Full PDB file with SEQRES, HELIX, SHEET, SSBOND, CRYST1, ORIGX, SCALE, CONECT and MASTER records, all heavy atoms in Angstrom:
SEQRES   1 A   31  THR ASN ASN ASN VAL LEU ILE LEU LYS TYR ILE SER PRO          
SEQRES   2 A   31  LYS ARG GLN SER GLU ALA LEU PHE GLU ILE ILE THR SER          
SEQRES   3 A   31  ASP TYR ASN TYR PRO                                          
HELIX    1 AA1 GLN A   16  THR A   25  1                                  10    
CRYST1    1.000    1.000    1.000  90.00  90.00  90.00 P 1           1          
ORIGX1      1.000000  0.000000  0.000000        0.00000                         
ORIGX2      0.000000  1.000000  0.000000        0.00000                         
ORIGX3      0.000000  0.000000  1.000000        0.00000                         
SCALE1      1.000000  0.000000  0.000000        0.00000                         
SCALE2      0.000000  1.000000  0.000000        0.00000                         
SCALE3      0.000000  0.000000  1.000000        0.00000                         
ATOM      1  N   THR A   1       8.968 -13.614  11.626  1.00  0.00           N  
ATOM      2  CA  THR A   1       8.002 -13.650  12.731  1.00  0.00           C  
ATOM      3  C   THR A   1       6.815 -14.560  12.465  1.00  0.00           C  
ATOM      4  O   THR A   1       5.857 -14.565  13.247  1.00  0.00           O  
ATOM      5  CB  THR A   1       7.476 -12.239  13.019  1.00  0.00           C  
ATOM      6  OG1 THR A   1       6.760 -11.743  11.873  1.00  0.00           O  
ATOM      7  CG2 THR A   1       8.613 -11.283  13.348  1.00  0.00           C  
ATOM      8  N   ASN A   2       6.868 -15.307  11.365  1.00  0.00           N  
ATOM      9  CA  ASN A   2       5.759 -16.200  11.016  1.00  0.00           C  
ATOM     10  C   ASN A   2       4.437 -15.426  10.911  1.00  0.00           C  
ATOM     11  O   ASN A   2       3.404 -15.854  11.404  1.00  0.00           O  
ATOM     12  CB  ASN A   2       5.628 -17.331  12.038  1.00  0.00           C  
ATOM     13  CG  ASN A   2       4.789 -18.495  11.523  1.00  0.00           C  
ATOM     14  OD1 ASN A   2       4.695 -18.720  10.318  1.00  0.00           O  
ATOM     15  ND2 ASN A   2       4.171 -19.228  12.429  1.00  0.00           N  
ATOM     16  N   ASN A   3       4.498 -14.267  10.278  1.00  0.00           N  
ATOM     17  CA  ASN A   3       3.326 -13.407  10.017  1.00  0.00           C  
ATOM     18  C   ASN A   3       2.653 -12.892  11.286  1.00  0.00           C  
ATOM     19  O   ASN A   3       1.459 -12.576  11.269  1.00  0.00           O  
ATOM     20  CB  ASN A   3       2.291 -14.148   9.151  1.00  0.00           C  
ATOM     21  CG  ASN A   3       2.813 -14.466   7.774  1.00  0.00           C  
ATOM     22  OD1 ASN A   3       3.403 -13.615   7.120  1.00  0.00           O  
ATOM     23  ND2 ASN A   3       2.621 -15.691   7.325  1.00  0.00           N  
ATOM     24  N   ASN A   4       3.407 -12.759  12.365  1.00  0.00           N  
ATOM     25  CA  ASN A   4       2.825 -12.305  13.628  1.00  0.00           C  
ATOM     26  C   ASN A   4       2.974 -10.807  13.850  1.00  0.00           C  
ATOM     27  O   ASN A   4       2.897 -10.340  14.985  1.00  0.00           O  
ATOM     28  CB  ASN A   4       3.451 -13.074  14.795  1.00  0.00           C  
ATOM     29  CG  ASN A   4       2.855 -14.459  14.934  1.00  0.00           C  
ATOM     30  OD1 ASN A   4       1.654 -14.642  14.753  1.00  0.00           O  
ATOM     31  ND2 ASN A   4       3.687 -15.437  15.225  1.00  0.00           N  
ATOM     32  N   VAL A   5       3.190 -10.058  12.778  1.00  0.00           N  
ATOM     33  CA  VAL A   5       3.223  -8.597  12.843  1.00  0.00           C  
ATOM     34  C   VAL A   5       2.275  -8.056  11.782  1.00  0.00           C  
ATOM     35  O   VAL A   5       2.251  -8.551  10.659  1.00  0.00           O  
ATOM     36  CB  VAL A   5       4.651  -8.055  12.611  1.00  0.00           C  
ATOM     37  CG1 VAL A   5       4.652  -6.529  12.573  1.00  0.00           C  
ATOM     38  CG2 VAL A   5       5.606  -8.556  13.695  1.00  0.00           C  
ATOM     39  N   LEU A   6       1.472  -7.061  12.146  1.00  0.00           N  
ATOM     40  CA  LEU A   6       0.559  -6.428  11.202  1.00  0.00           C  
ATOM     41  C   LEU A   6       1.235  -5.168  10.661  1.00  0.00           C  
ATOM     42  O   LEU A   6       1.643  -4.303  11.437  1.00  0.00           O  
ATOM     43  CB  LEU A   6      -0.750  -6.069  11.906  1.00  0.00           C  
ATOM     44  CG  LEU A   6      -1.917  -5.588  11.040  1.00  0.00           C  
ATOM     45  CD1 LEU A   6      -2.290  -6.617   9.987  1.00  0.00           C  
ATOM     46  CD2 LEU A   6      -3.119  -5.274  11.928  1.00  0.00           C  
ATOM     47  N   ILE A   7       1.393  -5.087   9.333  1.00  0.00           N  
ATOM     48  CA  ILE A   7       2.085  -3.953   8.708  1.00  0.00           C  
ATOM     49  C   ILE A   7       1.063  -3.162   7.903  1.00  0.00           C  
ATOM     50  O   ILE A   7       0.521  -3.649   6.915  1.00  0.00           O  
ATOM     51  CB  ILE A   7       3.239  -4.440   7.815  1.00  0.00           C  
ATOM     52  CG1 ILE A   7       4.234  -5.264   8.645  1.00  0.00           C  
ATOM     53  CG2 ILE A   7       3.949  -3.257   7.167  1.00  0.00           C  
ATOM     54  CD1 ILE A   7       5.338  -5.911   7.843  1.00  0.00           C  
ATOM     55  N   LEU A   8       0.794  -1.933   8.343  1.00  0.00           N  
ATOM     56  CA  LEU A   8      -0.259  -1.108   7.762  1.00  0.00           C  
ATOM     57  C   LEU A   8       0.318   0.183   7.205  1.00  0.00           C  
ATOM     58  O   LEU A   8       1.188   0.806   7.824  1.00  0.00           O  
ATOM     59  CB  LEU A   8      -1.318  -0.755   8.824  1.00  0.00           C  
ATOM     60  CG  LEU A   8      -1.965  -1.918   9.565  1.00  0.00           C  
ATOM     61  CD1 LEU A   8      -2.868  -1.389  10.675  1.00  0.00           C  
ATOM     62  CD2 LEU A   8      -2.770  -2.791   8.603  1.00  0.00           C  
ATOM     63  N   LYS A   9      -0.188   0.595   6.057  1.00  0.00           N  
ATOM     64  CA  LYS A   9       0.256   1.847   5.438  1.00  0.00           C  
ATOM     65  C   LYS A   9      -0.961   2.707   5.128  1.00  0.00           C  
ATOM     66  O   LYS A   9      -1.926   2.240   4.521  1.00  0.00           O  
ATOM     67  CB  LYS A   9       1.042   1.554   4.161  1.00  0.00           C  
ATOM     68  CG  LYS A   9       1.650   2.791   3.524  1.00  0.00           C  
ATOM     69  CD  LYS A   9       2.546   2.419   2.355  1.00  0.00           C  
ATOM     70  CE  LYS A   9       3.826   1.773   2.808  1.00  0.00           C  
ATOM     71  NZ  LYS A   9       4.684   2.697   3.589  1.00  0.00           N  
ATOM     72  N   TYR A  10      -0.899   3.954   5.581  1.00  0.00           N  
ATOM     73  CA  TYR A  10      -1.937   4.941   5.275  1.00  0.00           C  
ATOM     74  C   TYR A  10      -1.351   5.988   4.340  1.00  0.00           C  
ATOM     75  O   TYR A  10      -0.300   6.569   4.620  1.00  0.00           O  
ATOM     76  CB  TYR A  10      -2.430   5.625   6.554  1.00  0.00           C  
ATOM     77  CG  TYR A  10      -3.344   4.786   7.414  1.00  0.00           C  
ATOM     78  CD1 TYR A  10      -2.825   3.821   8.264  1.00  0.00           C  
ATOM     79  CD2 TYR A  10      -4.730   4.973   7.393  1.00  0.00           C  
ATOM     80  CE1 TYR A  10      -3.661   3.058   9.075  1.00  0.00           C  
ATOM     81  CE2 TYR A  10      -5.570   4.221   8.200  1.00  0.00           C  
ATOM     82  CZ  TYR A  10      -5.028   3.257   9.035  1.00  0.00           C  
ATOM     83  OH  TYR A  10      -5.853   2.505   9.826  1.00  0.00           O  
ATOM     84  N   ILE A  11      -2.067   6.248   3.232  1.00  0.00           N  
ATOM     85  CA  ILE A  11      -1.629   7.260   2.272  1.00  0.00           C  
ATOM     86  C   ILE A  11      -2.759   8.271   2.096  1.00  0.00           C  
ATOM     87  O   ILE A  11      -3.904   7.897   1.860  1.00  0.00           O  
ATOM     88  CB  ILE A  11      -1.303   6.634   0.898  1.00  0.00           C  
ATOM     89  CG1 ILE A  11      -0.310   5.484   1.049  1.00  0.00           C  
ATOM     90  CG2 ILE A  11      -0.746   7.686  -0.052  1.00  0.00           C  
ATOM     91  CD1 ILE A  11      -0.094   4.702  -0.242  1.00  0.00           C  
ATOM     92  N   SER A  12      -2.414   9.545   2.235  1.00  0.00           N  
ATOM     93  CA  SER A  12      -3.403  10.607   2.016  1.00  0.00           C  
ATOM     94  C   SER A  12      -2.960  11.441   0.810  1.00  0.00           C  
ATOM     95  O   SER A  12      -2.339  12.504   0.957  1.00  0.00           O  
ATOM     96  CB  SER A  12      -3.520  11.483   3.272  1.00  0.00           C  
ATOM     97  OG  SER A  12      -4.496  12.491   3.075  1.00  0.00           O  
ATOM     98  N   PRO A  13      -3.271  10.964  -0.403  1.00  0.00           N  
ATOM     99  CA  PRO A  13      -2.758  11.618  -1.622  1.00  0.00           C  
ATOM    100  C   PRO A  13      -3.677  12.745  -2.094  1.00  0.00           C  
ATOM    101  O   PRO A  13      -4.851  12.807  -1.730  1.00  0.00           O  
ATOM    102  CB  PRO A  13      -2.752  10.470  -2.627  1.00  0.00           C  
ATOM    103  CG  PRO A  13      -3.947   9.648  -2.227  1.00  0.00           C  
ATOM    104  CD  PRO A  13      -4.042   9.757  -0.723  1.00  0.00           C  
ATOM    105  N   LYS A  14      -3.109  13.614  -2.931  1.00  0.00           N  
ATOM    106  CA  LYS A  14      -3.948  14.630  -3.555  1.00  0.00           C  
ATOM    107  C   LYS A  14      -4.876  13.994  -4.573  1.00  0.00           C  
ATOM    108  O   LYS A  14      -6.026  14.397  -4.729  1.00  0.00           O  
ATOM    109  CB  LYS A  14      -3.064  15.687  -4.236  1.00  0.00           C  
ATOM    110  CG  LYS A  14      -2.307  16.575  -3.257  1.00  0.00           C  
ATOM    111  CD  LYS A  14      -1.508  17.638  -3.993  1.00  0.00           C  
ATOM    112  CE  LYS A  14      -0.778  18.546  -3.016  1.00  0.00           C  
ATOM    113  NZ  LYS A  14       0.015  19.591  -3.725  1.00  0.00           N  
ATOM    114  N   ARG A  15      -4.357  12.995  -5.287  1.00  0.00           N  
ATOM    115  CA  ARG A  15      -5.149  12.303  -6.302  1.00  0.00           C  
ATOM    116  C   ARG A  15      -5.108  10.797  -6.020  1.00  0.00           C  
ATOM    117  O   ARG A  15      -4.020  10.189  -6.001  1.00  0.00           O  
ATOM    118  CB  ARG A  15      -4.624  12.612  -7.710  1.00  0.00           C  
ATOM    119  CG  ARG A  15      -4.918  14.032  -8.153  1.00  0.00           C  
ATOM    120  CD  ARG A  15      -4.342  14.317  -9.525  1.00  0.00           C  
ATOM    121  NE  ARG A  15      -2.897  14.438  -9.459  1.00  0.00           N  
ATOM    122  CZ  ARG A  15      -2.261  15.562  -9.142  1.00  0.00           C  
ATOM    123  NH1 ARG A  15      -2.931  16.660  -8.868  1.00  0.00           N  
ATOM    124  NH2 ARG A  15      -0.939  15.592  -9.094  1.00  0.00           N  
ATOM    125  N   GLN A  16      -6.258  10.211  -5.827  1.00  0.00           N  
ATOM    126  CA  GLN A  16      -6.366   8.788  -5.517  1.00  0.00           C  
ATOM    127  C   GLN A  16      -5.769   7.940  -6.631  1.00  0.00           C  
ATOM    128  O   GLN A  16      -5.136   6.905  -6.367  1.00  0.00           O  
ATOM    129  CB  GLN A  16      -7.828   8.404  -5.297  1.00  0.00           C  
ATOM    130  CG  GLN A  16      -8.032   6.943  -4.917  1.00  0.00           C  
ATOM    131  CD  GLN A  16      -9.490   6.622  -4.648  1.00  0.00           C  
ATOM    132  OE1 GLN A  16     -10.369   7.480  -4.810  1.00  0.00           O  
ATOM    133  NE2 GLN A  16      -9.776   5.406  -4.233  1.00  0.00           N  
ATOM    134  N   SER A  17      -5.947   8.355  -7.871  1.00  0.00           N  
ATOM    135  CA  SER A  17      -5.477   7.564  -9.016  1.00  0.00           C  
ATOM    136  C   SER A  17      -3.959   7.386  -8.986  1.00  0.00           C  
ATOM    137  O   SER A  17      -3.446   6.333  -9.361  1.00  0.00           O  
ATOM    138  CB  SER A  17      -5.902   8.226 -10.328  1.00  0.00           C  
ATOM    139  OG  SER A  17      -5.380   9.549 -10.417  1.00  0.00           O  
ATOM    140  N   GLU A  18      -3.223   8.404  -8.538  1.00  0.00           N  
ATOM    141  CA  GLU A  18      -1.764   8.306  -8.470  1.00  0.00           C  
ATOM    142  C   GLU A  18      -1.333   7.259  -7.454  1.00  0.00           C  
ATOM    143  O   GLU A  18      -0.405   6.483  -7.700  1.00  0.00           O  
ATOM    144  CB  GLU A  18      -1.163   9.669  -8.111  1.00  0.00           C  
ATOM    145  CG  GLU A  18      -1.245  10.692  -9.226  1.00  0.00           C  
ATOM    146  CD  GLU A  18      -0.549  11.989  -8.850  1.00  0.00           C  
ATOM    147  OE1 GLU A  18      -0.118  12.116  -7.663  1.00  0.00           O  
ATOM    148  OE2 GLU A  18      -0.415  12.871  -9.710  1.00  0.00           O  
ATOM    149  N   ALA A  19      -2.008   7.252  -6.311  1.00  0.00           N  
ATOM    150  CA  ALA A  19      -1.671   6.272  -5.280  1.00  0.00           C  
ATOM    151  C   ALA A  19      -1.995   4.861  -5.751  1.00  0.00           C  
ATOM    152  O   ALA A  19      -1.206   3.924  -5.557  1.00  0.00           O  
ATOM    153  CB  ALA A  19      -2.417   6.585  -3.989  1.00  0.00           C  
ATOM    154  N   LEU A  20      -3.150   4.687  -6.381  1.00  0.00           N  
ATOM    155  CA  LEU A  20      -3.529   3.371  -6.892  1.00  0.00           C  
ATOM    156  C   LEU A  20      -2.536   2.881  -7.940  1.00  0.00           C  
ATOM    157  O   LEU A  20      -2.134   1.712  -7.929  1.00  0.00           O  
ATOM    158  CB  LEU A  20      -4.939   3.433  -7.497  1.00  0.00           C  
ATOM    159  CG  LEU A  20      -6.109   3.440  -6.517  1.00  0.00           C  
ATOM    160  CD1 LEU A  20      -7.405   3.751  -7.257  1.00  0.00           C  
ATOM    161  CD2 LEU A  20      -6.212   2.095  -5.805  1.00  0.00           C  
ATOM    162  N   PHE A  21      -2.137   3.768  -8.835  1.00  0.00           N  
ATOM    163  CA  PHE A  21      -1.177   3.402  -9.883  1.00  0.00           C  
ATOM    164  C   PHE A  21       0.139   2.946  -9.259  1.00  0.00           C  
ATOM    165  O   PHE A  21       0.727   1.939  -9.688  1.00  0.00           O  
ATOM    166  CB  PHE A  21      -0.940   4.601 -10.818  1.00  0.00           C  
ATOM    167  CG  PHE A  21       0.055   4.325 -11.904  1.00  0.00           C  
ATOM    168  CD1 PHE A  21      -0.325   3.661 -13.065  1.00  0.00           C  
ATOM    169  CD2 PHE A  21       1.383   4.735 -11.769  1.00  0.00           C  
ATOM    170  CE1 PHE A  21       0.602   3.398 -14.065  1.00  0.00           C  
ATOM    171  CE2 PHE A  21       2.312   4.482 -12.762  1.00  0.00           C  
ATOM    172  CZ  PHE A  21       1.921   3.813 -13.919  1.00  0.00           C  
ATOM    173  N   GLU A  22       0.603   3.647  -8.254  1.00  0.00           N  
ATOM    174  CA  GLU A  22       1.880   3.297  -7.622  1.00  0.00           C  
ATOM    175  C   GLU A  22       1.777   1.946  -6.911  1.00  0.00           C  
ATOM    176  O   GLU A  22       2.698   1.121  -6.967  1.00  0.00           O  
ATOM    177  CB  GLU A  22       2.271   4.391  -6.618  1.00  0.00           C  
ATOM    178  CG  GLU A  22       3.691   4.282  -6.108  1.00  0.00           C  
ATOM    179  CD  GLU A  22       4.722   4.505  -7.204  1.00  0.00           C  
ATOM    180  OE1 GLU A  22       4.425   5.225  -8.178  1.00  0.00           O  
ATOM    181  OE2 GLU A  22       5.830   3.932  -7.075  1.00  0.00           O  
ATOM    182  N   ILE A  23       0.660   1.683  -6.244  1.00  0.00           N  
ATOM    183  CA  ILE A  23       0.467   0.410  -5.538  1.00  0.00           C  
ATOM    184  C   ILE A  23       0.443  -0.756  -6.521  1.00  0.00           C  
ATOM    185  O   ILE A  23       1.100  -1.787  -6.304  1.00  0.00           O  
ATOM    186  CB  ILE A  23      -0.838   0.449  -4.715  1.00  0.00           C  
ATOM    187  CG1 ILE A  23      -0.699   1.437  -3.545  1.00  0.00           C  
ATOM    188  CG2 ILE A  23      -1.199  -0.932  -4.186  1.00  0.00           C  
ATOM    189  CD1 ILE A  23      -2.006   1.762  -2.868  1.00  0.00           C  
ATOM    190  N   ILE A  24      -0.292  -0.599  -7.604  1.00  0.00           N  
ATOM    191  CA  ILE A  24      -0.435  -1.691  -8.579  1.00  0.00           C  
ATOM    192  C   ILE A  24       0.866  -1.932  -9.326  1.00  0.00           C  
ATOM    193  O   ILE A  24       1.322  -3.082  -9.472  1.00  0.00           O  
ATOM    194  CB  ILE A  24      -1.574  -1.377  -9.576  1.00  0.00           C  
ATOM    195  CG1 ILE A  24      -2.921  -1.266  -8.841  1.00  0.00           C  
ATOM    196  CG2 ILE A  24      -1.649  -2.469 -10.640  1.00  0.00           C  
ATOM    197  CD1 ILE A  24      -3.306  -2.483  -8.031  1.00  0.00           C  
ATOM    198  N   THR A  25       1.510  -0.871  -9.801  1.00  0.00           N  
ATOM    199  CA  THR A  25       2.736  -1.058 -10.583  1.00  0.00           C  
ATOM    200  C   THR A  25       3.897  -1.549  -9.722  1.00  0.00           C  
ATOM    201  O   THR A  25       4.824  -2.177 -10.238  1.00  0.00           O  
ATOM    202  CB  THR A  25       3.142   0.256 -11.286  1.00  0.00           C  
ATOM    203  OG1 THR A  25       3.270   1.300 -10.304  1.00  0.00           O  
ATOM    204  CG2 THR A  25       2.099   0.643 -12.322  1.00  0.00           C  
ATOM    205  N   SER A  26       3.848  -1.272  -8.426  1.00  0.00           N  
ATOM    206  CA  SER A  26       4.893  -1.771  -7.523  1.00  0.00           C  
ATOM    207  C   SER A  26       4.583  -3.173  -7.014  1.00  0.00           C  
ATOM    208  O   SER A  26       5.396  -3.761  -6.295  1.00  0.00           O  
ATOM    209  CB  SER A  26       5.053  -0.822  -6.323  1.00  0.00           C  
ATOM    210  OG  SER A  26       5.438   0.462  -6.726  1.00  0.00           O  
ATOM    211  N   ASP A  27       3.411  -3.699  -7.405  1.00  0.00           N  
ATOM    212  CA  ASP A  27       2.985  -5.027  -6.932  1.00  0.00           C  
ATOM    213  C   ASP A  27       3.045  -5.089  -5.405  1.00  0.00           C  
ATOM    214  O   ASP A  27       3.529  -6.057  -4.812  1.00  0.00           O  
ATOM    215  CB  ASP A  27       3.866  -6.120  -7.548  1.00  0.00           C  
ATOM    216  CG  ASP A  27       3.267  -7.513  -7.394  1.00  0.00           C  
ATOM    217  OD1 ASP A  27       2.038  -7.627  -7.285  1.00  0.00           O  
ATOM    218  OD2 ASP A  27       4.033  -8.494  -7.360  1.00  0.00           O  
ATOM    219  N   TYR A  28       2.545  -4.035  -4.776  1.00  0.00           N  
ATOM    220  CA  TYR A  28       2.577  -3.929  -3.322  1.00  0.00           C  
ATOM    221  C   TYR A  28       1.301  -4.551  -2.751  1.00  0.00           C  
ATOM    222  O   TYR A  28       0.217  -3.961  -2.824  1.00  0.00           O  
ATOM    223  CB  TYR A  28       2.704  -2.467  -2.895  1.00  0.00           C  
ATOM    224  CG  TYR A  28       2.947  -2.288  -1.422  1.00  0.00           C  
ATOM    225  CD1 TYR A  28       4.227  -2.446  -0.885  1.00  0.00           C  
ATOM    226  CD2 TYR A  28       1.914  -1.968  -0.559  1.00  0.00           C  
ATOM    227  CE1 TYR A  28       4.464  -2.288   0.459  1.00  0.00           C  
ATOM    228  CE2 TYR A  28       2.141  -1.805   0.795  1.00  0.00           C  
ATOM    229  CZ  TYR A  28       3.418  -1.965   1.304  1.00  0.00           C  
ATOM    230  OH  TYR A  28       3.637  -1.816   2.652  1.00  0.00           O  
ATOM    231  N   ASN A  29       1.438  -5.754  -2.188  1.00  0.00           N  
ATOM    232  CA  ASN A  29       0.272  -6.523  -1.753  1.00  0.00           C  
ATOM    233  C   ASN A  29       0.141  -6.584  -0.237  1.00  0.00           C  
ATOM    234  O   ASN A  29      -0.210  -7.621   0.326  1.00  0.00           O  
ATOM    235  CB  ASN A  29       0.342  -7.945  -2.328  1.00  0.00           C  
ATOM    236  CG  ASN A  29       0.258  -7.949  -3.840  1.00  0.00           C  
ATOM    237  OD1 ASN A  29      -0.567  -7.255  -4.421  1.00  0.00           O  
ATOM    238  ND2 ASN A  29       1.128  -8.711  -4.483  1.00  0.00           N  
ATOM    239  N   TYR A  30       0.420  -5.454   0.407  1.00  0.00           N  
ATOM    240  CA  TYR A  30       0.281  -5.368   1.855  1.00  0.00           C  
ATOM    241  C   TYR A  30      -0.785  -4.332   2.193  1.00  0.00           C  
ATOM    242  O   TYR A  30      -0.996  -3.390   1.423  1.00  0.00           O  
ATOM    243  CB  TYR A  30       1.625  -5.016   2.496  1.00  0.00           C  
ATOM    244  CG  TYR A  30       2.693  -6.044   2.206  1.00  0.00           C  
ATOM    245  CD1 TYR A  30       3.538  -5.914   1.099  1.00  0.00           C  
ATOM    246  CD2 TYR A  30       2.843  -7.176   3.013  1.00  0.00           C  
ATOM    247  CE1 TYR A  30       4.497  -6.865   0.819  1.00  0.00           C  
ATOM    248  CE2 TYR A  30       3.807  -8.125   2.733  1.00  0.00           C  
ATOM    249  CZ  TYR A  30       4.633  -7.969   1.643  1.00  0.00           C  
ATOM    250  OH  TYR A  30       5.591  -8.916   1.360  1.00  0.00           O  
ATOM    251  N   PRO A  31      -1.480  -4.472   3.328  1.00  0.00           N  
ATOM    252  CA  PRO A  31      -2.623  -3.602   3.627  1.00  0.00           C  
ATOM    253  C   PRO A  31      -2.292  -2.109   3.539  1.00  0.00           C  
ATOM    254  O   PRO A  31      -1.425  -1.615   4.247  1.00  0.00           O  
ATOM    255  CB  PRO A  31      -2.997  -3.999   5.061  1.00  0.00           C  
ATOM    256  CG  PRO A  31      -2.514  -5.409   5.208  1.00  0.00           C  
ATOM    257  CD  PRO A  31      -1.265  -5.488   4.390  1.00  0.00           C  
TER     258      PRO A  31                                                      
MASTER        0    0    0    1    0    0    0    6  257    1    0    3          
END                                                                             
């Protein structure tokens, strides 16, 4: 789509550190 779609993910974790660790280790670079 030539970047014409906005892909957003909302996470409501019990512990913020767990979510951050998963995002960084998965190299997930989307909003």
